[in-house]
Protein backbone atom coordinates (compact mmCIF):
# COMPACT_ATOMS: atom_id res chain seq x y z
CA UNK A 1 -5.75 27.48 13.94
CA UNK A 2 -5.33 25.72 10.88
CA UNK A 3 -2.84 26.31 8.44
CA UNK A 4 -2.61 27.07 4.41
CA UNK A 5 -4.58 24.35 2.50
CA UNK A 6 -2.40 21.68 0.60
CA UNK A 7 -3.06 18.99 -1.97
CA UNK A 8 -3.60 15.81 -0.13
CA UNK A 9 -4.31 11.88 -2.18
CA UNK A 10 -7.58 11.05 -0.32
CA UNK A 11 -9.82 7.23 -0.33
CA UNK A 12 -12.82 8.35 0.47
CA UNK A 13 -14.99 5.11 0.86
CA UNK A 14 -18.01 7.31 -1.17
CA UNK A 15 -16.14 8.57 -3.80
CA UNK A 16 -12.94 6.05 -4.25
CA UNK A 17 -9.09 7.59 -5.38
CA UNK A 18 -9.18 11.74 -5.07
CA UNK A 19 -7.19 14.40 -4.35
CA UNK A 20 -8.38 16.95 -2.33
CA UNK A 21 -7.24 20.42 -0.40
CA UNK A 22 -6.63 19.86 3.68
CA UNK A 23 -5.09 21.70 6.48
CA UNK A 24 -3.30 20.36 8.98
CA UNK A 25 -3.62 22.14 12.84
CA UNK A 26 0.02 22.88 14.42
CA UNK A 27 1.98 20.23 16.52
CA UNK A 28 0.56 19.97 20.04
CA UNK A 29 2.07 18.34 23.35
CA UNK A 30 4.62 15.12 21.92
CA UNK A 31 3.86 16.16 18.71
CA UNK A 32 5.93 16.59 15.86
CA UNK A 33 5.34 18.94 12.26
CA UNK A 34 6.73 17.68 9.15
CA UNK A 35 7.75 19.76 5.53
CA UNK A 36 7.68 15.98 3.55
CA UNK A 37 10.02 15.34 0.97
CA UNK A 38 9.54 12.45 -0.51
CA UNK A 39 6.78 9.34 0.09
CA UNK A 40 6.68 5.50 -1.34
CA UNK A 41 3.66 4.44 -2.63
CA UNK A 42 3.29 0.46 -0.69
CA UNK A 43 1.00 -1.73 -1.57
CA UNK A 44 -0.68 -1.52 2.14
CA UNK A 45 -1.93 1.52 0.17
CA UNK A 46 -2.82 -0.13 -2.57
CA UNK A 47 -5.22 -2.50 -0.02
CA UNK A 48 -7.02 0.35 1.02
CA UNK A 49 -7.68 1.41 -2.65
CA UNK A 50 -8.81 -2.18 -3.77
CA UNK A 51 -10.92 -2.54 -0.38
CA UNK A 52 -8.90 -5.28 0.78
CA UNK A 53 -8.88 -3.38 3.96
CA UNK A 54 -12.16 -1.57 4.52
CA UNK A 55 -12.25 2.11 5.57
CA UNK A 56 -15.27 4.03 6.83
CA UNK A 57 -14.01 7.12 6.79
CA UNK A 58 -11.64 9.38 4.59
CA UNK A 59 -8.41 8.61 4.62
CA UNK A 60 -5.34 10.93 3.88
CA UNK A 61 -3.31 7.72 2.44
CA UNK A 62 0.65 7.59 2.38
CA UNK A 63 2.71 5.46 5.11
CA UNK A 64 6.69 5.40 4.36
CA UNK A 65 7.60 9.30 4.10
CA UNK A 66 10.82 11.42 4.63
CA UNK A 67 10.87 15.27 5.43
CA UNK A 68 12.14 17.93 7.66
CA UNK A 69 11.23 18.73 11.42
CA UNK A 70 9.91 22.31 10.86
CA UNK A 71 8.27 22.53 14.81
CA UNK A 72 7.93 20.44 17.43
CA UNK A 73 5.58 20.59 20.34
CA UNK A 74 5.85 20.82 24.10
CA UNK A 75 7.75 18.16 25.39
CA UNK A 76 9.67 16.53 22.27
CA UNK A 77 12.72 15.75 22.78
CA UNK A 78 14.74 13.38 20.22
CA UNK A 79 14.19 15.71 17.14
CA UNK A 80 14.19 19.53 16.49
CA UNK A 81 13.55 21.85 13.97
CA UNK A 82 15.59 21.13 10.74
CA UNK A 83 16.39 17.53 11.49
CA UNK A 84 16.39 15.22 8.46
CA UNK A 85 13.49 12.57 9.87
CA UNK A 86 12.53 9.07 8.29
CA UNK A 87 8.28 8.32 9.57
CA UNK A 88 8.18 5.05 11.48
CA UNK A 89 4.26 4.55 10.50
CA UNK A 90 3.75 1.49 13.54
CA UNK A 91 4.49 4.10 16.03
CA UNK A 92 4.57 2.78 19.66
CA UNK A 93 3.47 3.95 23.40
CA UNK A 94 6.97 3.61 24.34
CA UNK A 95 4.39 2.26 27.35
CA UNK A 96 2.73 -1.11 27.30
CA UNK A 97 4.06 -4.54 28.58
CA UNK A 98 5.28 -5.28 24.94
CA UNK A 99 7.25 -1.85 24.21
CA UNK A 100 9.13 -2.05 27.43
CA UNK A 101 10.21 -5.30 26.82
CA UNK A 102 11.37 -4.53 23.65
CA UNK A 103 8.94 -5.89 21.43
CA UNK A 104 7.43 -2.21 20.12
CA UNK A 105 6.60 -3.73 16.96
CA UNK A 106 3.60 -5.71 18.80
CA UNK A 107 3.18 -2.28 20.99
CA UNK A 108 -0.82 -2.79 22.40
CA UNK A 109 -1.37 1.34 22.93
CA UNK A 110 -0.47 2.59 19.53
CA UNK A 111 -3.45 4.00 18.08
CA UNK A 112 -1.80 4.06 14.55
CA UNK A 113 -3.85 0.66 13.03
CA UNK A 114 -6.36 3.14 13.73
CA UNK A 115 -5.85 5.72 11.35
CA UNK A 116 -5.80 7.66 14.10
CA UNK A 117 -2.78 10.00 15.89
CA UNK A 118 -2.48 8.95 20.07
CA UNK A 119 -5.36 10.62 21.17
CA UNK A 120 -7.51 9.63 18.86
CA UNK A 121 -7.43 12.97 16.66
CA UNK A 122 -6.59 13.69 13.08
CA UNK A 123 -4.58 16.50 12.29
CA UNK A 124 -6.50 17.33 8.93
CA UNK A 125 -9.16 18.95 7.73
CA UNK A 126 -10.61 19.89 4.59
CA UNK A 127 -11.60 23.04 3.20
CA UNK A 128 -15.16 23.01 4.71
CA UNK A 129 -13.50 21.94 7.97
CA UNK A 130 -14.50 18.60 8.00
CA UNK A 131 -11.87 15.37 9.82
CA UNK A 132 -9.86 13.89 7.49
CA UNK A 133 -8.18 11.06 8.68
CA UNK A 134 -4.06 10.34 8.72
CA UNK A 135 -3.45 6.64 7.45
CA UNK A 136 -1.77 4.72 9.83
CA UNK A 137 -0.98 7.92 12.32
CA UNK A 138 0.44 9.62 8.90
CA UNK A 139 -1.46 10.83 5.87
CA UNK A 140 2.12 10.83 4.08
CA UNK A 141 0.31 12.24 1.29
CA UNK A 142 0.40 15.20 1.17
CA UNK A 143 2.99 18.37 1.61
CA UNK A 144 2.81 18.70 5.63
CA UNK A 145 1.96 16.71 8.54
CA UNK A 146 1.63 16.26 12.20
CA UNK A 147 2.69 12.70 14.10
CA UNK A 148 3.58 11.64 17.52
CA UNK A 149 7.67 12.32 18.28
CA UNK A 150 7.64 8.30 18.49
CA UNK A 151 7.03 8.13 14.94
CA UNK A 152 9.76 10.68 13.69
CA UNK A 153 13.23 9.06 13.68
CA UNK A 154 16.19 11.27 12.85
CA UNK A 155 18.60 10.02 10.02
CA UNK A 156 21.73 11.44 8.96
CA UNK A 157 20.99 14.56 7.04
CA UNK A 158 23.65 12.85 3.40
CA UNK A 159 20.67 10.48 3.09
CA UNK A 160 18.29 11.13 0.30
CA UNK A 161 14.63 11.88 1.25
CA UNK A 162 13.53 8.73 -1.63
CA UNK A 163 15.89 6.89 0.15
CA UNK A 164 14.67 7.88 3.19
CA UNK A 165 10.91 7.38 2.91
CA UNK A 166 11.44 3.35 2.03
CA UNK A 167 13.29 3.11 4.96
CA UNK A 168 9.76 4.35 6.49
CA UNK A 169 8.50 0.90 5.75
CA UNK A 170 9.14 -1.71 2.90
CA UNK A 171 13.10 -1.32 3.75
CA UNK A 172 12.86 -1.92 7.33
CA UNK A 173 9.54 -4.84 6.91
CA UNK A 174 12.12 -6.65 4.49
CA UNK A 175 15.78 -6.35 6.05
CA UNK A 176 13.94 -7.14 9.54
CA UNK A 177 11.90 -10.01 7.93
CA UNK A 178 15.25 -11.97 7.76
CA UNK A 179 17.18 -10.11 10.95
CA UNK A 180 14.81 -9.80 13.15
CA UNK A 181 11.74 -12.53 12.61
CA UNK A 182 13.79 -15.36 11.35
CA UNK A 183 17.42 -14.48 12.58
CA UNK A 184 19.00 -16.10 9.64
CA UNK A 185 22.84 -17.08 9.90
CA UNK A 186 25.38 -17.41 7.33
CA UNK A 187 25.02 -20.15 4.97
CA UNK A 188 21.01 -20.80 5.94
CA UNK A 189 19.22 -21.68 3.02
CA UNK A 190 16.06 -19.33 1.78
CA UNK A 191 13.34 -19.14 -0.32
CA UNK A 192 11.56 -15.76 -1.12
CA UNK A 193 8.01 -15.52 -2.74
CA UNK A 194 7.48 -12.84 -4.33
CA UNK A 195 10.00 -9.85 -5.47
CA UNK A 196 8.33 -6.87 -5.05
CA UNK A 197 9.45 -3.75 -2.98
CA UNK A 198 9.51 -6.32 0.11
CA UNK A 199 10.39 -9.28 -1.39
CA UNK A 200 13.79 -7.86 -2.96
CA UNK A 201 14.09 -5.99 0.82
CA UNK A 202 13.84 -10.01 1.91
CA UNK A 203 16.52 -10.62 -0.61
CA UNK A 204 18.91 -7.74 0.20
CA UNK A 205 18.37 -8.90 3.68
CA UNK A 206 19.22 -12.31 3.01
CA UNK A 207 22.13 -11.26 1.34
CA UNK A 208 23.42 -9.47 4.27
CA UNK A 209 23.52 -11.98 6.58
CA UNK A 210 25.10 -14.36 4.34
CA UNK A 211 22.22 -16.58 3.13
CA UNK A 212 23.37 -19.14 0.62
CA UNK A 213 20.96 -20.77 -1.37
CA UNK A 214 18.31 -17.69 -2.48
CA UNK A 215 15.78 -18.68 -4.43
CA UNK A 216 13.66 -15.89 -5.83
CA UNK A 217 10.10 -17.26 -7.02
CA UNK A 218 7.72 -14.51 -9.17
CA UNK A 219 5.19 -14.43 -12.45
CA UNK A 220 7.54 -11.79 -13.83
CA UNK A 221 10.68 -12.26 -15.73
CA UNK A 222 11.55 -8.71 -15.22
CA UNK A 223 11.22 -9.09 -11.02
CA UNK A 224 13.26 -12.03 -11.41
CA UNK A 225 16.14 -10.18 -12.96
CA UNK A 226 16.19 -7.32 -10.45
CA UNK A 227 16.01 -10.17 -7.92
CA UNK A 228 19.75 -11.72 -8.96
CA UNK A 229 20.92 -7.83 -9.34
CA UNK A 230 19.69 -7.86 -5.33
CA UNK A 231 21.63 -11.25 -3.97
CA UNK A 232 19.41 -14.04 -5.10
CA UNK A 233 21.50 -17.01 -6.59
CA UNK A 234 18.46 -18.81 -8.13
CA UNK A 235 15.05 -17.87 -9.81
CA UNK A 236 11.91 -19.90 -10.71
CA UNK A 237 9.07 -18.76 -12.73
CA UNK A 238 5.94 -19.62 -9.49
CA UNK A 239 3.87 -20.64 -12.52
CA UNK A 240 5.71 -23.14 -14.16
CA UNK A 241 7.18 -24.62 -11.05
CA UNK A 242 6.03 -26.98 -8.56
CA UNK A 243 8.60 -25.17 -5.68
CA UNK A 244 7.89 -26.95 -3.52
CA UNK A 245 9.54 -29.70 -4.95
CA UNK A 246 11.99 -28.09 -6.78
CA UNK A 247 13.47 -26.98 -2.87
CA UNK A 248 13.15 -30.39 -1.89
CA UNK A 249 14.71 -31.98 -4.54
CA UNK A 250 17.75 -29.63 -5.42
CA UNK A 251 18.16 -28.10 -1.32
CA UNK A 252 16.52 -31.10 0.28
CA UNK A 253 14.56 -28.38 1.50
CA UNK A 254 15.17 -24.59 2.82
CA UNK A 255 15.46 -23.19 6.16
CA UNK A 256 13.06 -20.46 5.43
CA UNK A 257 10.13 -19.77 3.64
CA UNK A 258 9.38 -16.04 3.10
CA UNK A 259 6.11 -15.07 1.57
CA UNK A 260 5.85 -11.46 0.66
CA UNK A 261 2.73 -11.33 -1.17
CA UNK A 262 -0.34 -12.02 1.30
CA UNK A 263 -1.78 -14.65 -0.82
CA UNK A 264 -3.05 -17.99 1.17
CA UNK A 265 -2.89 -19.81 -1.33
CA UNK A 266 0.64 -19.60 -1.40
CA UNK A 267 1.21 -19.11 2.11
CA UNK A 268 -0.20 -22.60 2.64
CA UNK A 269 2.03 -24.19 0.01
CA UNK A 270 5.12 -22.74 2.62
CA UNK A 271 5.49 -25.48 5.05
CA UNK A 272 6.39 -28.18 1.76
CA UNK A 273 9.58 -26.41 1.14
CA UNK A 274 10.75 -26.91 4.16
CA UNK A 275 13.87 -28.78 5.63
CA UNK A 276 13.01 -29.59 9.15
CA UNK A 277 12.97 -27.85 11.68
CA UNK A 278 12.84 -24.66 8.96
CA UNK A 279 10.22 -21.76 9.52
CA UNK A 280 8.28 -20.23 7.23
CA UNK A 281 7.56 -16.23 7.42
CA UNK A 282 4.82 -14.16 6.52
CA UNK A 283 5.99 -11.12 5.68
CA UNK A 284 3.22 -10.62 2.52
CA UNK A 285 -0.09 -8.33 4.71
CA UNK A 286 -3.11 -10.94 3.87
CA UNK A 287 -6.98 -9.27 3.19
CA UNK A 288 -8.48 -9.04 6.71
CA UNK A 289 -10.38 -12.57 7.96
CA UNK A 290 -7.58 -13.84 5.00
CA UNK A 291 -7.46 -17.90 6.61
CA UNK A 292 -4.91 -20.51 5.90
CA UNK A 293 -4.50 -24.37 6.47
CA UNK A 294 -1.91 -26.38 6.72
CA UNK A 295 -0.39 -30.07 7.15
CA UNK A 296 -0.64 -29.92 11.36
CA UNK A 297 1.21 -33.55 11.66
CA UNK A 298 3.84 -32.69 9.25
CA UNK A 299 3.84 -28.93 10.75
CA UNK A 300 4.42 -30.90 14.92
CA UNK A 301 6.73 -33.94 13.29
CA UNK A 302 9.50 -32.41 10.97
CA UNK A 303 9.44 -29.45 13.86
CA UNK A 304 8.68 -27.03 11.10
CA UNK A 305 7.37 -23.07 12.28
CA UNK A 306 4.75 -20.65 10.87
CA UNK A 307 6.56 -17.11 12.52
CA UNK A 308 4.07 -13.82 11.94
CA UNK A 309 6.31 -10.49 10.47
CA UNK A 310 5.10 -7.73 11.43
CA UNK A 311 6.84 -4.43 10.33
CA UNK A 312 9.98 -6.84 10.09
CA UNK A 313 9.83 -6.40 13.90
CA UNK A 314 11.60 -4.07 13.86
CA UNK A 315 11.44 -0.17 16.67
CA UNK A 316 11.88 2.13 14.43
CA UNK A 317 14.35 4.37 16.29
CA UNK A 318 16.67 1.30 16.37
CA UNK A 319 16.20 -0.57 13.09
CA UNK A 320 16.11 2.65 10.62
CA UNK A 321 19.24 4.40 11.76
CA UNK A 322 20.51 1.34 11.58
CA UNK A 323 19.82 0.82 7.79
CA UNK A 324 20.70 4.48 6.53
CA UNK A 325 24.31 3.69 8.09
CA UNK A 326 23.89 0.52 5.79
CA UNK A 327 22.79 2.18 2.84
CA UNK A 328 25.56 5.32 3.50
CA UNK A 329 28.42 2.54 3.94
CA UNK A 330 27.66 1.18 -0.01
CA UNK A 331 25.79 -2.19 2.84
CA UNK A 332 22.79 -2.35 0.65
CA UNK A 333 21.88 -0.81 -3.05
CA UNK A 334 18.81 0.45 -2.14
CA UNK A 335 19.15 3.44 -5.44
CA UNK A 336 18.43 0.13 -7.47
CA UNK A 337 15.04 -0.19 -5.42
CA UNK A 338 13.49 2.83 -6.92
CA UNK A 339 12.13 2.71 -10.59
CA UNK A 340 11.36 6.41 -11.20
CA UNK A 341 9.85 9.67 -9.34
CA UNK A 342 6.15 10.77 -9.82
CA UNK A 343 4.89 14.48 -8.48
CA UNK A 344 1.87 14.44 -5.71
CA UNK A 345 -0.49 14.86 -8.37
CA UNK A 346 1.03 11.37 -10.14
CA UNK A 347 -0.39 9.70 -7.48
CA UNK A 348 -3.08 7.64 -9.66
CA UNK A 349 -0.60 6.40 -12.11
CA UNK A 350 1.82 5.81 -9.24
CA UNK A 351 -0.51 3.20 -8.15
CA UNK A 352 -0.33 1.52 -11.80
CA UNK A 353 2.94 1.36 -11.58
CA UNK A 354 2.75 -0.77 -8.24
CA UNK A 355 0.30 -2.75 -10.16
CA UNK A 356 2.35 -3.33 -12.88
CA UNK A 357 4.77 -5.95 -11.23
CA UNK A 358 9.07 -4.58 -11.94
CA UNK A 359 9.36 -5.06 -8.26
CA UNK A 360 10.52 -1.47 -8.22
CA UNK A 361 9.16 1.44 -5.68
CA UNK A 362 7.42 5.12 -6.55
CA UNK A 363 8.00 7.55 -5.06
CA UNK A 364 6.40 10.67 -4.85
CA UNK A 365 7.43 13.79 -4.46
CA UNK A 366 4.91 17.12 -3.17
């Protein structure tokens, strides 16, 4: 039977963004019940609100969060009640060919991207008993949720919940883009286009990897100032600078160009920033069906590469604890990435924070 109703931030394709009371059923076999303590507001949520990623059914939004395990279903062995966990939105099946090859971020068996649990169902119902679906298999903008075991990653209890929430998506994506997708080595050069939460995480990852120089590009002076604090050695105003020309003139091209916006127009400019053998890394998620064009001769002749980057090519159960340890050891300045904390009831204002281009994350607390 469902438990008591709790407030949730829901996007309904008919009525838009709003609040609705929802109940979550108890955990079934292979599932974990979570008491949500903090949730980050990410551009992937905003893509739903703006219609860039259409949905045909109502969704409880939120996909980067941290909390405490309150109960587990039959067969769960990796966590137990009382454990602190970060929620990994890309819950792998652990059985498909990609998972067993160590590429869980390319899992072909996950149902998370269909906004369901692994069995195709939802744990949420509204006050009338109608199903509400979990965005990216989580639906973290509420007080309580049920997730598959592979989505609940145990972390040290001393990790702050707000930091843990960011490890669920933006930090793991940005740092992972550097160390997993690109494999940046010390002394290699890079440019980062877009210094929002994910872009700043890319900058942090580049500093962690020992990249130099690191060029950050944005339209906001505040975001560029934040990029310098997070490790950028140079900053450029994208509105007044031909970034490709600057990279070629001052650096002879960069080894890596990271795009953290999801803009097809910007993505098309990345190869022009690269030195021969360089790689463009597509970190930002574009709107569904977006396309781009490139100079194919230049790519082939100069050995340039274009790398897709889903979730920072990360495996949640491996990379999230690793990033937690780096934070606790003082290697990742993640506290500076949180701009403000709001109650769940101020979700609409949190989306306004995201649109304001400060580059910092807003945390919601149920």
